[in-house]
PDB file of N, CA and C in Angstrom:
ATOM      1  N   UNK A   1      -4.692  -3.677  -7.256  1.00  0.00           N
ATOM      2  CA  UNK A   1      -4.126  -2.893  -6.171  1.00  0.00           C
ATOM      3  C   UNK A   1      -2.833  -2.230  -6.652  1.00  0.00           C
ATOM      4  N   UNK A   2      -2.639  -0.958  -6.329  1.00  0.00           N
ATOM      5  CA  UNK A   2      -1.453  -0.260  -6.796  1.00  0.00           C
ATOM      6  C   UNK A   2      -0.185  -0.802  -6.156  1.00  0.00           C
ATOM      7  N   UNK A   3       0.912  -0.634  -6.846  1.00  0.00           N
ATOM      8  CA  UNK A   3       2.199  -1.084  -6.344  1.00  0.00           C
ATOM      9  C   UNK A   3       2.691  -0.088  -5.304  1.00  0.00           C
ATOM     10  N   UNK A   4       2.625  -0.456  -4.039  1.00  0.00           N
ATOM     11  CA  UNK A   4       2.971   0.445  -2.937  1.00  0.00           C
ATOM     12  C   UNK A   4       4.449   0.823  -2.948  1.00  0.00           C
ATOM     13  N   UNK A   5       5.291  -0.059  -3.436  1.00  0.00           N
ATOM     14  CA  UNK A   5       6.723   0.221  -3.489  1.00  0.00           C
ATOM     15  C   UNK A   5       7.002   1.373  -4.463  1.00  0.00           C
ATOM     16  N   UNK A   6       6.304   1.375  -5.597  1.00  0.00           N
ATOM     17  CA  UNK A   6       6.484   2.430  -6.588  1.00  0.00           C
ATOM     18  C   UNK A   6       5.935   3.763  -6.080  1.00  0.00           C
ATOM     19  N   UNK A   7       4.795   3.705  -5.397  1.00  0.00           N
ATOM     20  CA  UNK A   7       4.211   4.927  -4.831  1.00  0.00           C
ATOM     21  C   UNK A   7       5.134   5.471  -3.737  1.00  0.00           C
ATOM     22  N   UNK A   8       5.721   4.604  -2.954  1.00  0.00           N
ATOM     23  CA  UNK A   8       6.640   5.027  -1.888  1.00  0.00           C
ATOM     24  C   UNK A   8       7.866   5.720  -2.481  1.00  0.00           C
ATOM     25  N   UNK A   9       8.356   5.208  -3.605  1.00  0.00           N
ATOM     26  CA  UNK A   9       9.513   5.827  -4.258  1.00  0.00           C
ATOM     27  C   UNK A   9       9.152   7.239  -4.751  1.00  0.00           C
ATOM     28  N   UNK A  10       7.966   7.398  -5.315  1.00  0.00           N
ATOM     29  CA  UNK A  10       7.500   8.711  -5.763  1.00  0.00           C
ATOM     30  C   UNK A  10       7.314   9.622  -4.551  1.00  0.00           C
ATOM     31  N   UNK A  11       6.749   9.078  -3.479  1.00  0.00           N
ATOM     32  CA  UNK A  11       6.572   9.825  -2.232  1.00  0.00           C
ATOM     33  C   UNK A  11       7.917  10.364  -1.736  1.00  0.00           C
ATOM     34  N   UNK A  12       8.916   9.505  -1.688  1.00  0.00           N
ATOM     35  CA  UNK A  12      10.241   9.912  -1.221  1.00  0.00           C
ATOM     36  C   UNK A  12      10.828  11.021  -2.098  1.00  0.00           C
ATOM     37  N   UNK A  13      10.664  10.894  -3.411  1.00  0.00           N
ATOM     38  CA  UNK A  13      11.164  11.924  -4.328  1.00  0.00           C
ATOM     39  C   UNK A  13      10.413  13.242  -4.135  1.00  0.00           C
ATOM     40  N   UNK A  14       9.106  13.171  -3.932  1.00  0.00           N
ATOM     41  CA  UNK A  14       8.301  14.372  -3.691  1.00  0.00           C
ATOM     42  C   UNK A  14       8.766  15.104  -2.435  1.00  0.00           C
ATOM     43  N   UNK A  15       8.903  14.371  -1.357  1.00  0.00           N
ATOM     44  CA  UNK A  15       9.309  14.955  -0.083  1.00  0.00           C
ATOM     45  C   UNK A  15      10.706  15.556  -0.199  1.00  0.00           C
ATOM     46  N   UNK A  16      11.608  14.791  -0.757  1.00  0.00           N
ATOM     47  CA  UNK A  16      12.991  15.262  -0.895  1.00  0.00           C
ATOM     48  C   UNK A  16      13.052  16.530  -1.750  1.00  0.00           C
ATOM     49  N   UNK A  17      12.390  16.515  -2.889  1.00  0.00           N
ATOM     50  CA  UNK A  17      12.396  17.675  -3.775  1.00  0.00           C
ATOM     51  C   UNK A  17      11.757  18.894  -3.143  1.00  0.00           C
ATOM     52  N   UNK A  18      10.648  18.685  -2.447  1.00  0.00           N
ATOM     53  CA  UNK A  18       9.966  19.805  -1.790  1.00  0.00           C
ATOM     54  C   UNK A  18      10.832  20.399  -0.684  1.00  0.00           C
ATOM     55  N   UNK A  19      11.523  19.544   0.079  1.00  0.00           N
ATOM     56  CA  UNK A  19      12.413  20.048   1.127  1.00  0.00           C
ATOM     57  C   UNK A  19      13.650  20.725   0.546  1.00  0.00           C
ATOM     58  N   UNK A  20      13.987  20.408  -0.699  1.00  0.00           N
ATOM     59  CA  UNK A  20      15.094  21.100  -1.373  1.00  0.00           C
ATOM     60  C   UNK A  20      14.668  22.473  -1.895  1.00  0.00           C
ATOM     61  N   UNK A  21      13.382  22.780  -1.770  1.00  0.00           N
ATOM     62  CA  UNK A  21      12.883  24.077  -2.201  1.00  0.00           C
ATOM     63  C   UNK A  21      12.329  24.086  -3.617  1.00  0.00           C
ATOM     64  N   UNK A  22      12.168  22.918  -4.209  1.00  0.00           N
ATOM     65  CA  UNK A  22      11.627  22.838  -5.563  1.00  0.00           C
ATOM     66  C   UNK A  22      10.112  22.964  -5.527  1.00  0.00           C
ATOM     67  N   UNK A  23       9.551  23.505  -6.577  1.00  0.00           N
ATOM     68  CA  UNK A  23       8.094  23.598  -6.671  1.00  0.00           C
ATOM     69  C   UNK A  23       7.674  23.548  -8.131  1.00  0.00           C
ATOM     70  N   UNK A  24       6.411  23.293  -8.342  1.00  0.00           N
ATOM     71  CA  UNK A  24       5.781  23.263  -9.652  1.00  0.00           C
ATOM     72  C   UNK A  24       6.593  22.438 -10.655  1.00  0.00           C
ATOM     73  N   UNK A  25       7.007  23.029 -11.742  1.00  0.00           N
ATOM     74  CA  UNK A  25       7.693  22.307 -12.825  1.00  0.00           C
ATOM     75  C   UNK A  25       9.014  21.701 -12.343  1.00  0.00           C
ATOM     76  N   UNK A  26       9.735  22.442 -11.499  1.00  0.00           N
ATOM     77  CA  UNK A  26      11.014  21.921 -10.998  1.00  0.00           C
ATOM     78  C   UNK A  26      10.805  20.652 -10.175  1.00  0.00           C
ATOM     79  N   UNK A  27       9.793  20.660  -9.320  1.00  0.00           N
ATOM     80  CA  UNK A  27       9.495  19.480  -8.510  1.00  0.00           C
ATOM     81  C   UNK A  27       9.015  18.336  -9.393  1.00  0.00           C
ATOM     82  N   UNK A  28       8.169  18.643 -10.344  1.00  0.00           N
ATOM     83  CA  UNK A  28       7.688  17.645 -11.300  1.00  0.00           C
ATOM     84  C   UNK A  28       8.871  16.990 -12.017  1.00  0.00           C
ATOM     85  N   UNK A  29       9.778  17.809 -12.532  1.00  0.00           N
ATOM     86  CA  UNK A  29      10.947  17.286 -13.243  1.00  0.00           C
ATOM     87  C   UNK A  29      11.838  16.462 -12.320  1.00  0.00           C
ATOM     88  N   UNK A  30      11.985  16.899 -11.081  1.00  0.00           N
ATOM     89  CA  UNK A  30      12.799  16.168 -10.107  1.00  0.00           C
ATOM     90  C   UNK A  30      12.202  14.781  -9.838  1.00  0.00           C
ATOM     91  N   UNK A  31      10.896  14.739  -9.660  1.00  0.00           N
ATOM     92  CA  UNK A  31      10.236  13.451  -9.405  1.00  0.00           C
ATOM     93  C   UNK A  31      10.426  12.515 -10.595  1.00  0.00           C
ATOM     94  N   UNK A  32      10.260  13.034 -11.806  1.00  0.00           N
ATOM     95  CA  UNK A  32      10.421  12.186 -12.989  1.00  0.00           C
ATOM     96  C   UNK A  32      11.878  11.811 -13.243  1.00  0.00           C
ATOM     97  N   UNK A  33      12.805  12.623 -12.748  1.00  0.00           N
ATOM     98  CA  UNK A  33      14.218  12.265 -12.841  1.00  0.00           C
ATOM     99  C   UNK A  33      14.513  11.099 -11.906  1.00  0.00           C
ATOM    100  N   UNK A  34      13.933  11.137 -10.712  1.00  0.00           N
ATOM    101  CA  UNK A  34      14.127  10.076  -9.723  1.00  0.00           C
ATOM    102  C   UNK A  34      13.304   8.824 -10.048  1.00  0.00           C
ATOM    103  N   UNK A  35      12.131   9.021 -10.638  1.00  0.00           N
ATOM    104  CA  UNK A  35      11.188   7.928 -10.933  1.00  0.00           C
ATOM    105  C   UNK A  35      10.677   8.088 -12.366  1.00  0.00           C
ATOM    106  N   UNK A  36      11.457   7.688 -13.347  1.00  0.00           N
ATOM    107  CA  UNK A  36      11.091   7.909 -14.750  1.00  0.00           C
ATOM    108  C   UNK A  36       9.747   7.301 -15.169  1.00  0.00           C
ATOM    109  N   UNK A  37       9.297   6.276 -14.467  1.00  0.00           N
ATOM    110  CA  UNK A  37       8.039   5.625 -14.843  1.00  0.00           C
ATOM    111  C   UNK A  37       6.859   6.124 -14.010  1.00  0.00           C
ATOM    112  N   UNK A  38       7.038   7.223 -13.286  1.00  0.00           N
ATOM    113  CA  UNK A  38       5.949   7.767 -12.471  1.00  0.00           C
ATOM    114  C   UNK A  38       4.808   8.224 -13.378  1.00  0.00           C
ATOM    115  N   UNK A  39       3.604   8.027 -12.909  1.00  0.00           N
ATOM    116  CA  UNK A  39       2.424   8.462 -13.652  1.00  0.00           C
ATOM    117  C   UNK A  39       1.729   9.562 -12.850  1.00  0.00           C
ATOM    118  N   UNK A  40       0.814  10.263 -13.495  1.00  0.00           N
ATOM    119  CA  UNK A  40       0.048  11.292 -12.787  1.00  0.00           C
ATOM    120  C   UNK A  40      -0.699  10.679 -11.615  1.00  0.00           C
ATOM    121  N   UNK A  41      -1.234   9.500 -11.814  1.00  0.00           N
ATOM    122  CA  UNK A  41      -1.979   8.827 -10.748  1.00  0.00           C
ATOM    123  C   UNK A  41      -1.068   8.511  -9.555  1.00  0.00           C
ATOM    124  N   UNK A  42       0.135   8.057  -9.820  1.00  0.00           N
ATOM    125  CA  UNK A  42       1.073   7.775  -8.733  1.00  0.00           C
ATOM    126  C   UNK A  42       1.488   9.040  -8.004  1.00  0.00           C
ATOM    127  N   UNK A  43       1.664  10.115  -8.762  1.00  0.00           N
ATOM    128  CA  UNK A  43       2.038  11.382  -8.130  1.00  0.00           C
ATOM    129  C   UNK A  43       0.920  11.850  -7.205  1.00  0.00           C
ATOM    130  N   UNK A  44      -0.313  11.738  -7.642  1.00  0.00           N
ATOM    131  CA  UNK A  44      -1.438  12.145  -6.801  1.00  0.00           C
ATOM    132  C   UNK A  44      -1.512  11.261  -5.556  1.00  0.00           C
ATOM    133  N   UNK A  45      -1.371   9.967  -5.722  1.00  0.00           N
ATOM    134  CA  UNK A  45      -1.428   9.052  -4.569  1.00  0.00           C
ATOM    135  C   UNK A  45      -0.286   9.317  -3.589  1.00  0.00           C
ATOM    136  N   UNK A  46       0.919   9.524  -4.123  1.00  0.00           N
ATOM    137  CA  UNK A  46       2.061   9.814  -3.264  1.00  0.00           C
ATOM    138  C   UNK A  46       1.882  11.160  -2.562  1.00  0.00           C
ATOM    139  N   UNK A  47       1.277  12.112  -3.246  1.00  0.00           N
ATOM    140  CA  UNK A  47       1.012  13.422  -2.647  1.00  0.00           C
ATOM    141  C   UNK A  47       0.039  13.297  -1.488  1.00  0.00           C
ATOM    142  N   UNK A  48      -1.011  12.505  -1.670  1.00  0.00           N
ATOM    143  CA  UNK A  48      -1.978  12.293  -0.590  1.00  0.00           C
ATOM    144  C   UNK A  48      -1.324  11.603   0.599  1.00  0.00           C
ATOM    145  N   UNK A  49      -0.432  10.695   0.312  1.00  0.00           N
ATOM    146  CA  UNK A  49       0.310  10.032   1.376  1.00  0.00           C
ATOM    147  C   UNK A  49       1.150  11.059   2.142  1.00  0.00           C
ATOM    148  N   UNK A  50       1.808  11.957   1.423  1.00  0.00           N
ATOM    149  CA  UNK A  50       2.629  12.990   2.064  1.00  0.00           C
ATOM    150  C   UNK A  50       1.771  13.955   2.869  1.00  0.00           C
ATOM    151  N   UNK A  51       0.621  14.324   2.328  1.00  0.00           N
ATOM    152  CA  UNK A  51      -0.257  15.262   3.022  1.00  0.00           C
ATOM    153  C   UNK A  51      -0.831  14.670   4.306  1.00  0.00           C
ATOM    154  N   UNK A  52      -0.956  13.366   4.350  1.00  0.00           N
ATOM    155  CA  UNK A  52      -1.505  12.715   5.544  1.00  0.00           C
ATOM    156  C   UNK A  52      -0.421  12.253   6.515  1.00  0.00           C
ATOM    157  N   UNK A  53       0.844  12.426   6.146  1.00  0.00           N
ATOM    158  CA  UNK A  53       1.954  12.009   6.996  1.00  0.00           C
ATOM    159  C   UNK A  53       2.157  13.011   8.131  1.00  0.00           C
ATOM    160  N   UNK A  54       1.981  12.588   9.384  1.00  0.00           N
ATOM    161  CA  UNK A  54       2.123  13.522  10.505  1.00  0.00           C
ATOM    162  C   UNK A  54       3.557  14.039  10.700  1.00  0.00           C
ATOM    163  N   UNK A  55       4.539  13.374  10.106  1.00  0.00           N
ATOM    164  CA  UNK A  55       5.928  13.804  10.234  1.00  0.00           C
ATOM    165  C   UNK A  55       6.258  14.986   9.326  1.00  0.00           C
ATOM    166  N   UNK A  56       5.470  15.200   8.299  1.00  0.00           N
ATOM    167  CA  UNK A  56       5.680  16.327   7.388  1.00  0.00           C
ATOM    168  C   UNK A  56       4.873  17.493   7.946  1.00  0.00           C
ATOM    169  N   UNK A  57       5.572  18.451   8.521  1.00  0.00           N
ATOM    170  CA  UNK A  57       4.887  19.559   9.183  1.00  0.00           C
ATOM    171  C   UNK A  57       5.243  20.916   8.608  1.00  0.00           C
ATOM    172  N   UNK A  58       6.136  20.961   7.632  1.00  0.00           N
ATOM    173  CA  UNK A  58       6.526  22.228   7.027  1.00  0.00           C
ATOM    174  C   UNK A  58       5.413  22.713   6.105  1.00  0.00           C
ATOM    175  N   UNK A  59       4.851  23.878   6.401  1.00  0.00           N
ATOM    176  CA  UNK A  59       3.719  24.416   5.656  1.00  0.00           C
ATOM    177  C   UNK A  59       4.051  24.616   4.176  1.00  0.00           C
ATOM    178  N   UNK A  60       5.249  25.101   3.879  1.00  0.00           N
ATOM    179  CA  UNK A  60       5.638  25.323   2.481  1.00  0.00           C
ATOM    180  C   UNK A  60       5.740  24.014   1.704  1.00  0.00           C
ATOM    181  N   UNK A  61       6.305  23.009   2.336  1.00  0.00           N
ATOM    182  CA  UNK A  61       6.413  21.686   1.702  1.00  0.00           C
ATOM    183  C   UNK A  61       5.023  21.136   1.414  1.00  0.00           C
ATOM    184  N   UNK A  62       4.126  21.238   2.389  1.00  0.00           N
ATOM    185  CA  UNK A  62       2.766  20.738   2.194  1.00  0.00           C
ATOM    186  C   UNK A  62       2.043  21.512   1.091  1.00  0.00           C
ATOM    187  N   UNK A  63       2.218  22.818   1.039  1.00  0.00           N
ATOM    188  CA  UNK A  63       1.587  23.629  -0.011  1.00  0.00           C
ATOM    189  C   UNK A  63       2.092  23.256  -1.396  1.00  0.00           C
ATOM    190  N   UNK A  64       3.388  23.047  -1.521  1.00  0.00           N
ATOM    191  CA  UNK A  64       3.989  22.694  -2.813  1.00  0.00           C
ATOM    192  C   UNK A  64       3.475  21.333  -3.280  1.00  0.00           C
ATOM    193  N   UNK A  65       3.431  20.376  -2.365  1.00  0.00           N
ATOM    194  CA  UNK A  65       2.958  19.032  -2.708  1.00  0.00           C
ATOM    195  C   UNK A  65       1.467  19.065  -3.054  1.00  0.00           C
ATOM    196  N   UNK A  66       0.704  19.822  -2.307  1.00  0.00           N
ATOM    197  CA  UNK A  66      -0.726  19.972  -2.564  1.00  0.00           C
ATOM    198  C   UNK A  66      -0.966  20.560  -3.956  1.00  0.00           C
ATOM    199  N   UNK A  67      -0.221  21.604  -4.294  1.00  0.00           N
ATOM    200  CA  UNK A  67      -0.368  22.242  -5.605  1.00  0.00           C
ATOM    201  C   UNK A  67      -0.027  21.277  -6.738  1.00  0.00           C
ATOM    202  N   UNK A  68       1.030  20.495  -6.555  1.00  0.00           N
ATOM    203  CA  UNK A  68       1.408  19.530  -7.593  1.00  0.00           C
ATOM    204  C   UNK A  68       0.345  18.436  -7.729  1.00  0.00           C
ATOM    205  N   UNK A  69      -0.214  17.994  -6.607  1.00  0.00           N
ATOM    206  CA  UNK A  69      -1.262  16.966  -6.640  1.00  0.00           C
ATOM    207  C   UNK A  69      -2.482  17.471  -7.398  1.00  0.00           C
ATOM    208  N   UNK A  70      -2.884  18.700  -7.120  1.00  0.00           N
ATOM    209  CA  UNK A  70      -4.048  19.259  -7.812  1.00  0.00           C
ATOM    210  C   UNK A  70      -3.780  19.372  -9.302  1.00  0.00           C
ATOM    211  N   UNK A  71      -2.599  19.843  -9.639  1.00  0.00           N
ATOM    212  CA  UNK A  71      -2.244  19.989 -11.054  1.00  0.00           C
ATOM    213  C   UNK A  71      -2.330  18.641 -11.777  1.00  0.00           C
ATOM    214  N   UNK A  72      -1.795  17.596 -11.153  1.00  0.00           N
ATOM    215  CA  UNK A  72      -1.816  16.272 -11.785  1.00  0.00           C
ATOM    216  C   UNK A  72      -3.197  15.644 -11.746  1.00  0.00           C
ATOM    217  N   UNK A  73      -3.958  15.919 -10.725  1.00  0.00           N
ATOM    218  CA  UNK A  73      -5.316  15.375 -10.644  1.00  0.00           C
ATOM    219  C   UNK A  73      -6.202  15.966 -11.734  1.00  0.00           C
ATOM    220  N   UNK A  74      -6.062  17.264 -11.948  1.00  0.00           N
ATOM    221  CA  UNK A  74      -6.854  17.931 -12.979  1.00  0.00           C
ATOM    222  C   UNK A  74      -6.340  17.622 -14.377  1.00  0.00           C
ATOM    223  N   UNK A  75      -5.037  17.369 -14.475  1.00  0.00           N
ATOM    224  CA  UNK A  75      -4.421  17.060 -15.761  1.00  0.00           C
ATOM    225  C   UNK A  75      -5.006  15.780 -16.337  1.00  0.00           C
ATOM    226  N   UNK A  76      -5.007  14.712 -15.527  1.00  0.00           N
ATOM    227  CA  UNK A  76      -5.535  13.429 -15.987  1.00  0.00           C
ATOM    228  C   UNK A  76      -4.927  13.016 -17.308  1.00  0.00           C
ATOM    229  N   UNK A  77      -3.642  13.300 -17.458  1.00  0.00           N
ATOM    230  CA  UNK A  77      -2.926  13.072 -18.707  1.00  0.00           C
ATOM    231  C   UNK A  77      -3.039  11.670 -19.252  1.00  0.00           C
ATOM    232  N   UNK A  78      -2.290  11.372 -20.293  1.00  0.00           N
ATOM    233  CA  UNK A  78      -2.378  10.086 -20.980  1.00  0.00           C
ATOM    234  C   UNK A  78      -1.982   8.906 -20.117  1.00  0.00           C
ATOM    235  N   UNK A  79      -1.302   9.148 -19.018  1.00  0.00           N
ATOM    236  CA  UNK A  79      -0.868   8.058 -18.175  1.00  0.00           C
ATOM    237  C   UNK A  79      -1.762   7.836 -16.958  1.00  0.00           C
ATOM    238  N   UNK A  80      -2.921   8.436 -16.935  1.00  0.00           N
ATOM    239  CA  UNK A  80      -3.783   8.400 -15.753  1.00  0.00           C
ATOM    240  C   UNK A  80      -4.306   6.995 -15.423  1.00  0.00           C
ATOM    241  N   UNK A  81      -4.415   6.096 -16.372  1.00  0.00           N
ATOM    242  CA  UNK A  81      -4.906   4.743 -16.111  1.00  0.00           C
ATOM    243  C   UNK A  81      -3.778   3.727 -16.046  1.00  0.00           C
ATOM    244  N   UNK A  82      -2.563   4.176 -16.086  1.00  0.00           N
ATOM    245  CA  UNK A  82      -1.388   3.314 -16.165  1.00  0.00           C
ATOM    246  C   UNK A  82      -1.097   2.576 -14.867  1.00  0.00           C
ATOM    247  N   UNK A  83      -1.688   2.994 -13.762  1.00  0.00           N
ATOM    248  CA  UNK A  83      -1.321   2.494 -12.451  1.00  0.00           C
ATOM    249  C   UNK A  83      -2.146   1.295 -11.999  1.00  0.00           C
ATOM    250  N   UNK A  84      -2.781   0.626 -12.877  1.00  0.00           N
ATOM    251  CA  UNK A  84      -3.656  -0.490 -12.528  1.00  0.00           C
ATOM    252  C   UNK A  84      -2.920  -1.805 -12.381  1.00  0.00           C
ATOM    253  N   UNK A  85      -1.623  -1.772 -12.106  1.00  0.00           N
ATOM    254  CA  UNK A  85      -0.793  -2.983 -12.008  1.00  0.00           C
ATOM    255  C   UNK A  85      -1.114  -3.808 -10.799  1.00  0.00           C
TER     256      UNK A  85
END
């Protein structure tokens, strides 16, 4: 089972960065600055959590998070299996 505390931290960084107006690479860098051990899998999971959160209603924020989730989902980089803790 994934570590919910770590996913929540990534979620918080995603939301905060998106509300600051960051997108794409800037948002990615912001999340990794806040959560250096974040993996692509955690970013995707945190993004899905944000997309399903009824409190997040800003269309631009949702679009930015959605785009980052897709990018990381398709990337499947070297850290994609790292979240099996």
